[in-house]
Amino acid sequence: MQTKTWFITGVSGGFGRAIADAALERGDRVFGTVRKKEDSIAFAKSAPDRATGLILDVRDDEAVRATVDQVAGQGGIDVLVNNAGYCLSGAVEEASSAEIRAQMDVNFFGAVSLLQAVLPHMRARKTGHIFNITSVSGLASWMGIAFYCASKHALEAVGKALAQEVSDLGIKVTNIEPGALRTGFNRAGALTRAQRTIDDYKPTAGTAWDILSQSAGQEAGDPALAAQALLAALDAEQPPMQLMLGADAVFYADREQAARMEEAARWMPVTMAVNHADQPPTLGD
């Protein structure tokens, strides 16, 4: 198997580190982004000849492009993993504009910045595989983490459209949709809380923080096994456009889909009644 060069955002821990470790274990080269110098040094030590830690803020478009260009100039980038992100907990009304923008800047705009920086290099080589780490929350929304869900829904949409745009350019795109992984994501740092609280939301949105923080260390998903699933998608002749990881991801996504289908069927007469008389309703071509 030919050695591949990976660019992975957020490898100081969690799922990003699990993916990096899996890639290094099979002999690939990994450039991983972190926010602190000590994390960069620690990552490089994991495989001194093949692991490189890069200090990068994905919100800085110029730095993203310069860093990607530098890595691509060392032989190209075969795999991009858009992994960096965090979760903002709080009701829609509680979150401030600054908190909402910060959530989207990292989880969505940062990922898009990486896509736009890497794509010219992959197009030039007519090869590459892009993995967007979204979430089952990109398929199903939850009270109390609306803007985290929004960021993942948005990345899901971009990934799906991008897969169509590059389908004849030799580039593959896969949205990875994990359920809860035992990575430390639900602990302070990756999980933040809106500063404002409103008593009326305590019984609903207010429960999200407790559920997430109290489940830390008890999540069902194994990040090492999830990383192996990503490798399987990478090596597949026909990789999936979307790949759910974990029984909980399947359960919640199926529940969301079933509820949507039931409601759509119930309201179908209203839905189909809005066409002009000269445009009879149709369910497809």
C-alpha atoms as a PDB file:
ATOM      1  CA  MET A   1       0.000   0.000   0.000  1.00  0.00           C
ATOM      2  CA  GLN A   2       1.371   3.392  -1.011  1.00  0.00           C
ATOM      3  CA  THR A   3       2.290   5.731   1.832  1.00  0.00           C
ATOM      4  CA  LYS A   4      -0.091   8.662   2.173  1.00  0.00           C
ATOM      5  CA  THR A   5       0.345  12.173   3.536  1.00  0.00           C
ATOM      6  CA  TRP A   6      -2.387  13.361   5.890  1.00  0.00           C
ATOM      7  CA  PHE A   7      -3.368  16.843   7.044  1.00  0.00           C
ATOM      8  CA  ILE A   8      -5.498  16.564  10.194  1.00  0.00           C
ATOM      9  CA  THR A   9      -6.813  19.467  12.238  1.00  0.00           C
ATOM     10  CA  GLY A  10      -6.998  19.124  16.006  1.00  0.00           C
ATOM     11  CA  VAL A  11      -4.603  16.293  16.903  1.00  0.00           C
ATOM     12  CA  SER A  12      -3.760  17.281  20.473  1.00  0.00           C
ATOM     13  CA  GLY A  13      -6.330  14.756  21.677  1.00  0.00           C
ATOM     14  CA  GLY A  14      -9.722  13.223  21.009  1.00  0.00           C
ATOM     15  CA  PHE A  15     -10.836  11.794  17.702  1.00  0.00           C
ATOM     16  CA  GLY A  16      -8.251  13.777  15.756  1.00  0.00           C
ATOM     17  CA  ARG A  17      -5.432  12.170  17.707  1.00  0.00           C
ATOM     18  CA  ALA A  18      -6.987   8.718  17.315  1.00  0.00           C
ATOM     19  CA  ILE A  19      -7.123   9.198  13.534  1.00  0.00           C
ATOM     20  CA  ALA A  20      -3.535  10.464  13.475  1.00  0.00           C
ATOM     21  CA  ASP A  21      -2.342   7.489  15.524  1.00  0.00           C
ATOM     22  CA  ALA A  22      -4.106   5.051  13.189  1.00  0.00           C
ATOM     23  CA  ALA A  23      -2.532   6.676  10.132  1.00  0.00           C
ATOM     24  CA  LEU A  24       0.929   6.668  11.716  1.00  0.00           C
ATOM     25  CA  GLU A  25       0.563   3.045  12.775  1.00  0.00           C
ATOM     26  CA  ARG A  26       0.146   1.947   9.195  1.00  0.00           C
ATOM     27  CA  GLY A  27       3.224   3.879   8.107  1.00  0.00           C
ATOM     28  CA  ASP A  28       1.718   7.074   6.723  1.00  0.00           C
ATOM     29  CA  ARG A  29       2.957  10.609   7.260  1.00  0.00           C
ATOM     30  CA  VAL A  30       0.793  13.001   9.293  1.00  0.00           C
ATOM     31  CA  PHE A  31       0.816  16.772   9.592  1.00  0.00           C
ATOM     32  CA  GLY A  32      -1.438  17.603  12.514  1.00  0.00           C
ATOM     33  CA  THR A  33      -2.566  20.999  13.733  1.00  0.00           C
ATOM     34  CA  VAL A  34      -2.616  22.052  17.379  1.00  0.00           C
ATOM     35  CA  ARG A  35      -2.985  25.333  19.248  1.00  0.00           C
ATOM     36  CA  LYS A  36      -0.047  25.088  21.685  1.00  0.00           C
ATOM     37  CA  LYS A  37       3.687  24.580  21.240  1.00  0.00           C
ATOM     38  CA  GLU A  38       3.833  21.827  23.873  1.00  0.00           C
ATOM     39  CA  ASP A  39       1.143  19.888  21.993  1.00  0.00           C
ATOM     40  CA  SER A  40       3.108  20.252  18.779  1.00  0.00           C
ATOM     41  CA  ILE A  41       6.217  18.841  20.434  1.00  0.00           C
ATOM     42  CA  ALA A  42       4.293  15.988  22.024  1.00  0.00           C
ATOM     43  CA  PHE A  43       2.683  15.016  18.728  1.00  0.00           C
ATOM     44  CA  ALA A  44       5.999  15.049  16.858  1.00  0.00           C
ATOM     45  CA  LYS A  45       7.466  12.684  19.446  1.00  0.00           C
ATOM     46  CA  SER A  46       4.797  10.070  18.691  1.00  0.00           C
ATOM     47  CA  ALA A  47       6.566   9.263  15.426  1.00  0.00           C
ATOM     48  CA  PRO A  48       9.624  11.522  14.995  1.00  0.00           C
ATOM     49  CA  ASP A  49      10.193  10.665  11.351  1.00  0.00           C
ATOM     50  CA  ARG A  50       6.561  10.880  10.199  1.00  0.00           C
ATOM     51  CA  ALA A  51       4.577  13.072  12.622  1.00  0.00           C
ATOM     52  CA  THR A  52       4.730  16.861  12.377  1.00  0.00           C
ATOM     53  CA  GLY A  53       2.865  19.173  14.713  1.00  0.00           C
ATOM     54  CA  LEU A  54       1.741  22.479  13.234  1.00  0.00           C
ATOM     55  CA  ILE A  55       0.558  25.380  15.370  1.00  0.00           C
ATOM     56  CA  LEU A  56      -2.484  26.734  13.559  1.00  0.00           C
ATOM     57  CA  ASP A  57      -5.656  28.635  14.319  1.00  0.00           C
ATOM     58  CA  VAL A  58      -8.173  27.431  11.732  1.00  0.00           C
ATOM     59  CA  ARG A  59      -9.975  30.784  12.017  1.00  0.00           C
ATOM     60  CA  ASP A  60      -6.997  32.537  10.379  1.00  0.00           C
ATOM     61  CA  ASP A  61      -7.564  32.142   6.626  1.00  0.00           C
ATOM     62  CA  GLU A  62      -4.135  33.456   5.624  1.00  0.00           C
ATOM     63  CA  ALA A  63      -2.346  31.182   8.067  1.00  0.00           C
ATOM     64  CA  VAL A  64      -4.419  28.212   6.901  1.00  0.00           C
ATOM     65  CA  ARG A  65      -3.534  28.794   3.271  1.00  0.00           C
ATOM     66  CA  ALA A  66       0.153  29.363   4.001  1.00  0.00           C
ATOM     67  CA  THR A  67       0.377  26.235   6.147  1.00  0.00           C
ATOM     68  CA  VAL A  68      -1.424  24.069   3.591  1.00  0.00           C
ATOM     69  CA  ASP A  69       0.767  25.397   0.785  1.00  0.00           C
ATOM     70  CA  GLN A  70       3.866  24.607   2.827  1.00  0.00           C
ATOM     71  CA  VAL A  71       2.772  21.035   3.497  1.00  0.00           C
ATOM     72  CA  ALA A  72       1.579  20.466  -0.071  1.00  0.00           C
ATOM     73  CA  GLY A  73       4.956  21.636  -1.305  1.00  0.00           C
ATOM     74  CA  GLN A  74       6.556  18.676   0.450  1.00  0.00           C
ATOM     75  CA  GLY A  75       5.003  16.089  -1.822  1.00  0.00           C
ATOM     76  CA  GLY A  76       1.294  16.835  -1.764  1.00  0.00           C
ATOM     77  CA  ILE A  77      -1.624  16.155   0.568  1.00  0.00           C
ATOM     78  CA  ASP A  78      -3.457  12.889   0.014  1.00  0.00           C
ATOM     79  CA  VAL A  79      -5.955  13.104   2.877  1.00  0.00           C
ATOM     80  CA  LEU A  80      -7.550  16.072   4.629  1.00  0.00           C
ATOM     81  CA  VAL A  81      -9.402  15.478   7.885  1.00  0.00           C
ATOM     82  CA  ASN A  82     -11.482  18.450   9.011  1.00  0.00           C
ATOM     83  CA  ASN A  83     -11.713  17.564  12.691  1.00  0.00           C
ATOM     84  CA  ALA A  84     -11.120  20.671  14.811  1.00  0.00           C
ATOM     85  CA  GLY A  85     -14.179  21.804  16.723  1.00  0.00           C
ATOM     86  CA  TYR A  86     -15.976  22.267  20.026  1.00  0.00           C
ATOM     87  CA  CYS A  87     -19.529  22.386  21.402  1.00  0.00           C
ATOM     88  CA  LEU A  88     -21.390  25.437  22.723  1.00  0.00           C
ATOM     89  CA  SER A  89     -24.136  24.552  25.197  1.00  0.00           C
ATOM     90  CA  GLY A  90     -27.012  26.958  25.760  1.00  0.00           C
ATOM     91  CA  ALA A  91     -30.520  27.771  24.590  1.00  0.00           C
ATOM     92  CA  VAL A  92     -30.982  29.691  21.353  1.00  0.00           C
ATOM     93  CA  GLU A  93     -32.043  32.791  23.303  1.00  0.00           C
ATOM     94  CA  GLU A  94     -29.213  32.477  25.820  1.00  0.00           C
ATOM     95  CA  ALA A  95     -26.254  32.404  23.427  1.00  0.00           C
ATOM     96  CA  SER A  96     -24.707  35.762  22.571  1.00  0.00           C
ATOM     97  CA  SER A  97     -23.848  36.806  19.026  1.00  0.00           C
ATOM     98  CA  ALA A  98     -20.162  36.568  19.898  1.00  0.00           C
ATOM     99  CA  GLU A  99     -20.568  33.038  21.245  1.00  0.00           C
ATOM    100  CA  ILE A 100     -22.549  31.947  18.193  1.00  0.00           C
ATOM    101  CA  ARG A 101     -20.032  33.435  15.775  1.00  0.00           C
ATOM    102  CA  ALA A 102     -17.145  31.828  17.652  1.00  0.00           C
ATOM    103  CA  GLN A 103     -18.867  28.434  17.346  1.00  0.00           C
ATOM    104  CA  MET A 104     -19.385  28.834  13.613  1.00  0.00           C
ATOM    105  CA  ASP A 105     -15.915  30.311  13.050  1.00  0.00           C
ATOM    106  CA  VAL A 106     -14.205  27.152  14.299  1.00  0.00           C
ATOM    107  CA  ASN A 107     -16.622  24.378  13.378  1.00  0.00           C
ATOM    108  CA  PHE A 108     -17.787  25.675  10.017  1.00  0.00           C
ATOM    109  CA  PHE A 109     -15.781  28.569   8.592  1.00  0.00           C
ATOM    110  CA  GLY A 110     -12.506  27.039   9.774  1.00  0.00           C
ATOM    111  CA  ALA A 111     -13.370  23.790   8.007  1.00  0.00           C
ATOM    112  CA  VAL A 112     -14.350  25.654   4.833  1.00  0.00           C
ATOM    113  CA  SER A 113     -11.056  27.559   4.965  1.00  0.00           C
ATOM    114  CA  LEU A 114      -9.194  24.235   4.987  1.00  0.00           C
ATOM    115  CA  LEU A 115     -11.275  22.942   2.094  1.00  0.00           C
ATOM    116  CA  GLN A 116     -10.556  25.987  -0.038  1.00  0.00           C
ATOM    117  CA  ALA A 117      -6.846  25.824   0.770  1.00  0.00           C
ATOM    118  CA  VAL A 118      -6.443  22.105   0.036  1.00  0.00           C
ATOM    119  CA  LEU A 119      -8.642  21.771  -3.037  1.00  0.00           C
ATOM    120  CA  PRO A 120      -6.322  23.569  -5.507  1.00  0.00           C
ATOM    121  CA  HIS A 121      -3.545  21.112  -4.656  1.00  0.00           C
ATOM    122  CA  MET A 122      -5.809  18.066  -4.928  1.00  0.00           C
ATOM    123  CA  ARG A 123      -7.252  19.348  -8.224  1.00  0.00           C
ATOM    124  CA  ALA A 124      -3.769  19.792  -9.645  1.00  0.00           C
ATOM    125  CA  ARG A 125      -2.877  16.199  -8.775  1.00  0.00           C
ATOM    126  CA  LYS A 126      -6.352  14.835  -9.651  1.00  0.00           C
ATOM    127  CA  THR A 127      -6.419  12.820  -6.449  1.00  0.00           C
ATOM    128  CA  GLY A 128      -7.255  13.147  -2.771  1.00  0.00           C
ATOM    129  CA  HIS A 129      -9.784  12.252  -0.098  1.00  0.00           C
ATOM    130  CA  ILE A 130     -11.478  14.752   2.188  1.00  0.00           C
ATOM    131  CA  PHE A 131     -13.061  13.690   5.478  1.00  0.00           C
ATOM    132  CA  ASN A 132     -15.332  16.168   7.242  1.00  0.00           C
ATOM    133  CA  ILE A 133     -15.895  15.158  10.851  1.00  0.00           C
ATOM    134  CA  THR A 134     -19.454  16.284  11.376  1.00  0.00           C
ATOM    135  CA  SER A 135     -21.647  14.446  13.901  1.00  0.00           C
ATOM    136  CA  VAL A 136     -24.964  12.701  14.270  1.00  0.00           C
ATOM    137  CA  SER A 137     -25.855  16.219  15.436  1.00  0.00           C
ATOM    138  CA  GLY A 138     -25.455  17.196  11.789  1.00  0.00           C
ATOM    139  CA  LEU A 139     -28.414  14.922  11.073  1.00  0.00           C
ATOM    140  CA  ALA A 140     -30.522  15.442  14.202  1.00  0.00           C
ATOM    141  CA  SER A 141     -30.834  18.623  16.265  1.00  0.00           C
ATOM    142  CA  TRP A 142     -30.900  18.770  20.072  1.00  0.00           C
ATOM    143  CA  MET A 143     -32.227  21.361  22.455  1.00  0.00           C
ATOM    144  CA  GLY A 144     -29.459  23.089  24.327  1.00  0.00           C
ATOM    145  CA  ILE A 145     -26.767  22.745  21.631  1.00  0.00           C
ATOM    146  CA  ALA A 146     -28.572  24.345  18.681  1.00  0.00           C
ATOM    147  CA  PHE A 147     -25.550  26.215  17.341  1.00  0.00           C
ATOM    148  CA  TYR A 148     -23.245  23.209  17.549  1.00  0.00           C
ATOM    149  CA  CYS A 149     -25.891  21.318  15.557  1.00  0.00           C
ATOM    150  CA  ALA A 150     -26.137  24.230  13.124  1.00  0.00           C
ATOM    151  CA  SER A 151     -22.385  24.168  12.507  1.00  0.00           C
ATOM    152  CA  LYS A 152     -22.484  20.433  11.793  1.00  0.00           C
ATOM    153  CA  HIS A 153     -25.611  20.681   9.602  1.00  0.00           C
ATOM    154  CA  ALA A 154     -23.820  23.369   7.593  1.00  0.00           C
ATOM    155  CA  LEU A 155     -20.667  21.286   7.165  1.00  0.00           C
ATOM    156  CA  GLU A 156     -22.809  18.300   6.146  1.00  0.00           C
ATOM    157  CA  ALA A 157     -24.402  20.395   3.390  1.00  0.00           C
ATOM    158  CA  VAL A 158     -21.083  21.695   2.114  1.00  0.00           C
ATOM    159  CA  GLY A 159     -19.586  18.204   2.088  1.00  0.00           C
ATOM    160  CA  LYS A 160     -22.504  16.801   0.076  1.00  0.00           C
ATOM    161  CA  ALA A 161     -22.351  19.599  -2.482  1.00  0.00           C
ATOM    162  CA  LEU A 162     -18.559  19.401  -2.706  1.00  0.00           C
ATOM    163  CA  ALA A 163     -18.710  15.657  -3.392  1.00  0.00           C
ATOM    164  CA  GLN A 164     -20.801  16.423  -6.477  1.00  0.00           C
ATOM    165  CA  GLU A 165     -18.516  19.248  -7.605  1.00  0.00           C
ATOM    166  CA  VAL A 166     -15.322  17.173  -7.508  1.00  0.00           C
ATOM    167  CA  SER A 167     -16.774  13.840  -8.608  1.00  0.00           C
ATOM    168  CA  ASP A 168     -14.956  13.932 -11.957  1.00  0.00           C
ATOM    169  CA  LEU A 169     -11.707  15.387 -10.584  1.00  0.00           C
ATOM    170  CA  GLY A 170     -10.396  12.295  -8.796  1.00  0.00           C
ATOM    171  CA  ILE A 171     -11.258  13.693  -5.347  1.00  0.00           C
ATOM    172  CA  LYS A 172     -13.409  11.817  -2.836  1.00  0.00           C
ATOM    173  CA  VAL A 173     -15.438  13.401  -0.019  1.00  0.00           C
ATOM    174  CA  THR A 174     -16.809  11.603   3.038  1.00  0.00           C
ATOM    175  CA  ASN A 175     -18.790  13.120   5.883  1.00  0.00           C
ATOM    176  CA  ILE A 176     -18.060  11.166   9.066  1.00  0.00           C
ATOM    177  CA  GLU A 177     -21.018  11.260  11.471  1.00  0.00           C
ATOM    178  CA  PRO A 178     -20.021   9.861  14.869  1.00  0.00           C
ATOM    179  CA  GLY A 179     -22.232   9.352  17.840  1.00  0.00           C
ATOM    180  CA  ALA A 180     -20.686   9.876  21.274  1.00  0.00           C
ATOM    181  CA  LEU A 181     -17.030   8.807  21.373  1.00  0.00           C
ATOM    182  CA  ARG A 182     -15.046   8.394  24.584  1.00  0.00           C
ATOM    183  CA  THR A 183     -12.579  11.165  23.715  1.00  0.00           C
ATOM    184  CA  GLY A 184     -12.960  13.803  26.414  1.00  0.00           C
ATOM    185  CA  PHE A 185     -15.047  15.948  24.053  1.00  0.00           C
ATOM    186  CA  ASN A 186     -17.708  16.341  26.744  1.00  0.00           C
ATOM    187  CA  ARG A 187     -15.275  17.840  29.227  1.00  0.00           C
ATOM    188  CA  ALA A 188     -14.356  21.480  29.815  1.00  0.00           C
ATOM    189  CA  GLY A 189     -12.421  22.866  26.882  1.00  0.00           C
ATOM    190  CA  ALA A 190     -14.239  21.122  24.045  1.00  0.00           C
ATOM    191  CA  LEU A 191     -17.547  21.756  25.819  1.00  0.00           C
ATOM    192  CA  THR A 192     -18.337  25.369  26.666  1.00  0.00           C
ATOM    193  CA  ARG A 193     -21.395  27.036  28.152  1.00  0.00           C
ATOM    194  CA  ALA A 194     -23.180  30.225  27.171  1.00  0.00           C
ATOM    195  CA  GLN A 195     -22.587  32.903  29.797  1.00  0.00           C
ATOM    196  CA  ARG A 196     -26.238  33.928  29.960  1.00  0.00           C
ATOM    197  CA  THR A 197     -28.821  31.636  31.565  1.00  0.00           C
ATOM    198  CA  ILE A 198     -32.606  32.023  31.588  1.00  0.00           C
ATOM    199  CA  ASP A 199     -34.621  30.182  34.216  1.00  0.00           C
ATOM    200  CA  ASP A 200     -37.441  29.307  31.804  1.00  0.00           C
ATOM    201  CA  TYR A 201     -35.051  27.090  29.817  1.00  0.00           C
ATOM    202  CA  LYS A 202     -33.624  25.111  32.725  1.00  0.00           C
ATOM    203  CA  PRO A 203     -36.036  22.154  32.287  1.00  0.00           C
ATOM    204  CA  THR A 204     -35.339  21.903  28.538  1.00  0.00           C
ATOM    205  CA  ALA A 205     -32.175  23.384  27.017  1.00  0.00           C
ATOM    206  CA  GLY A 206     -30.600  23.629  30.458  1.00  0.00           C
ATOM    207  CA  THR A 207     -30.401  19.851  30.726  1.00  0.00           C
ATOM    208  CA  ALA A 208     -27.958  19.596  27.801  1.00  0.00           C
ATOM    209  CA  TRP A 209     -24.949  20.730  29.834  1.00  0.00           C
ATOM    210  CA  ASP A 210     -25.636  18.209  32.595  1.00  0.00           C
ATOM    211  CA  ILE A 211     -26.269  15.348  30.180  1.00  0.00           C
ATOM    212  CA  LEU A 212     -23.111  16.013  28.195  1.00  0.00           C
ATOM    213  CA  SER A 213     -20.757  16.738  31.093  1.00  0.00           C
ATOM    214  CA  GLN A 214     -22.027  13.869  33.249  1.00  0.00           C
ATOM    215  CA  SER A 215     -21.652  11.358  30.416  1.00  0.00           C
ATOM    216  CA  ALA A 216     -17.954  12.195  29.970  1.00  0.00           C
ATOM    217  CA  GLY A 217     -15.952   8.987  30.148  1.00  0.00           C
ATOM    218  CA  GLN A 218     -19.027   6.803  29.662  1.00  0.00           C
ATOM    219  CA  GLU A 219     -19.617   7.303  25.933  1.00  0.00           C
ATOM    220  CA  ALA A 220     -20.275   4.103  23.997  1.00  0.00           C
ATOM    221  CA  GLY A 221     -18.009   4.773  21.027  1.00  0.00           C
ATOM    222  CA  ASP A 222     -14.330   3.755  20.944  1.00  0.00           C
ATOM    223  CA  PRO A 223     -12.302   6.443  19.113  1.00  0.00           C
ATOM    224  CA  ALA A 224      -9.620   3.940  18.085  1.00  0.00           C
ATOM    225  CA  LEU A 225     -12.233   1.736  16.412  1.00  0.00           C
ATOM    226  CA  ALA A 226     -13.839   4.814  14.862  1.00  0.00           C
ATOM    227  CA  ALA A 227     -10.446   5.721  13.394  1.00  0.00           C
ATOM    228  CA  GLN A 228     -10.176   2.245  11.876  1.00  0.00           C
ATOM    229  CA  ALA A 229     -13.610   2.752  10.306  1.00  0.00           C
ATOM    230  CA  LEU A 230     -12.327   5.940   8.688  1.00  0.00           C
ATOM    231  CA  LEU A 231      -9.338   4.019   7.307  1.00  0.00           C
ATOM    232  CA  ALA A 232     -11.707   1.441   5.847  1.00  0.00           C
ATOM    233  CA  ALA A 233     -13.566   4.225   4.052  1.00  0.00           C
ATOM    234  CA  LEU A 234     -10.289   5.656   2.784  1.00  0.00           C
ATOM    235  CA  ASP A 235      -9.191   2.300   1.358  1.00  0.00           C
ATOM    236  CA  ALA A 236     -12.566   1.441  -0.188  1.00  0.00           C
ATOM    237  CA  GLU A 237     -12.843   1.410  -3.970  1.00  0.00           C
ATOM    238  CA  GLN A 238     -16.166   3.217  -3.605  1.00  0.00           C
ATOM    239  CA  PRO A 239     -16.026   5.123  -0.304  1.00  0.00           C
ATOM    240  CA  PRO A 240     -19.258   6.343   1.272  1.00  0.00           C
ATOM    241  CA  MET A 241     -20.357   9.952   0.997  1.00  0.00           C
ATOM    242  CA  GLN A 242     -21.779   9.694   4.516  1.00  0.00           C
ATOM    243  CA  LEU A 243     -20.634   7.287   7.229  1.00  0.00           C
ATOM    244  CA  MET A 244     -22.325   7.091  10.615  1.00  0.00           C
ATOM    245  CA  LEU A 245     -20.217   5.691  13.449  1.00  0.00           C
ATOM    246  CA  GLY A 246     -21.796   4.049  16.467  1.00  0.00           C
ATOM    247  CA  ALA A 247     -25.119   2.448  17.335  1.00  0.00           C
ATOM    248  CA  ASP A 248     -26.299   5.678  18.943  1.00  0.00           C
ATOM    249  CA  ALA A 249     -25.679   7.586  15.712  1.00  0.00           C
ATOM    250  CA  VAL A 250     -27.855   5.124  13.821  1.00  0.00           C
ATOM    251  CA  PHE A 251     -30.597   5.222  16.470  1.00  0.00           C
ATOM    252  CA  TYR A 252     -30.884   9.004  16.631  1.00  0.00           C
ATOM    253  CA  ALA A 253     -30.570   9.523  12.879  1.00  0.00           C
ATOM    254  CA  ASP A 254     -33.231   6.885  12.177  1.00  0.00           C
ATOM    255  CA  ARG A 255     -35.537   8.383  14.798  1.00  0.00           C
ATOM    256  CA  GLU A 256     -35.141  11.823  13.226  1.00  0.00           C
ATOM    257  CA  GLN A 257     -35.808  10.459   9.740  1.00  0.00           C
ATOM    258  CA  ALA A 258     -38.867   8.478  10.831  1.00  0.00           C
ATOM    259  CA  ALA A 259     -40.395  11.514  12.542  1.00  0.00           C
ATOM    260  CA  ARG A 260     -39.779  13.662   9.478  1.00  0.00           C
ATOM    261  CA  MET A 261     -41.335  11.086   7.136  1.00  0.00           C
ATOM    262  CA  GLU A 262     -44.396  10.650   9.368  1.00  0.00           C
ATOM    263  CA  GLU A 263     -44.997  14.398   9.544  1.00  0.00           C
ATOM    264  CA  ALA A 264     -44.381  14.826   5.812  1.00  0.00           C
ATOM    265  CA  ALA A 265     -46.948  12.128   5.002  1.00  0.00           C
ATOM    266  CA  ARG A 266     -49.500  13.688   7.353  1.00  0.00           C
ATOM    267  CA  TRP A 267     -49.144  17.097   5.699  1.00  0.00           C
ATOM    268  CA  MET A 268     -48.730  15.862   2.110  1.00  0.00           C
ATOM    269  CA  PRO A 269     -52.158  17.123   0.909  1.00  0.00           C
ATOM    270  CA  VAL A 270     -51.195  20.642   1.997  1.00  0.00           C
ATOM    271  CA  THR A 271     -47.709  20.285   0.533  1.00  0.00           C
ATOM    272  CA  MET A 272     -48.950  19.190  -2.892  1.00  0.00           C
ATOM    273  CA  ALA A 273     -51.764  21.756  -3.098  1.00  0.00           C
ATOM    274  CA  VAL A 274     -49.549  24.786  -3.694  1.00  0.00           C
ATOM    275  CA  ASN A 275     -48.698  24.129  -7.358  1.00  0.00           C
ATOM    276  CA  HIS A 276     -50.186  26.270 -10.143  1.00  0.00           C
ATOM    277  CA  ALA A 277     -52.979  24.562 -12.070  1.00  0.00           C
ATOM    278  CA  ASP A 278     -50.754  24.324 -15.171  1.00  0.00           C
ATOM    279  CA  GLN A 279     -48.032  22.606 -13.124  1.00  0.00           C
ATOM    280  CA  PRO A 280     -49.583  19.432 -11.749  1.00  0.00           C
ATOM    281  CA  PRO A 281     -47.927  18.026  -8.618  1.00  0.00           C
ATOM    282  CA  THR A 282     -45.267  15.411  -9.162  1.00  0.00           C
ATOM    283  CA  LEU A 283     -43.033  13.458  -6.807  1.00  0.00           C
ATOM    284  CA  GLY A 284     -40.181  13.136  -9.272  1.00  0.00           C
ATOM    285  CA  ASP A 285     -39.063  13.166 -12.867  1.00  0.00           C
END
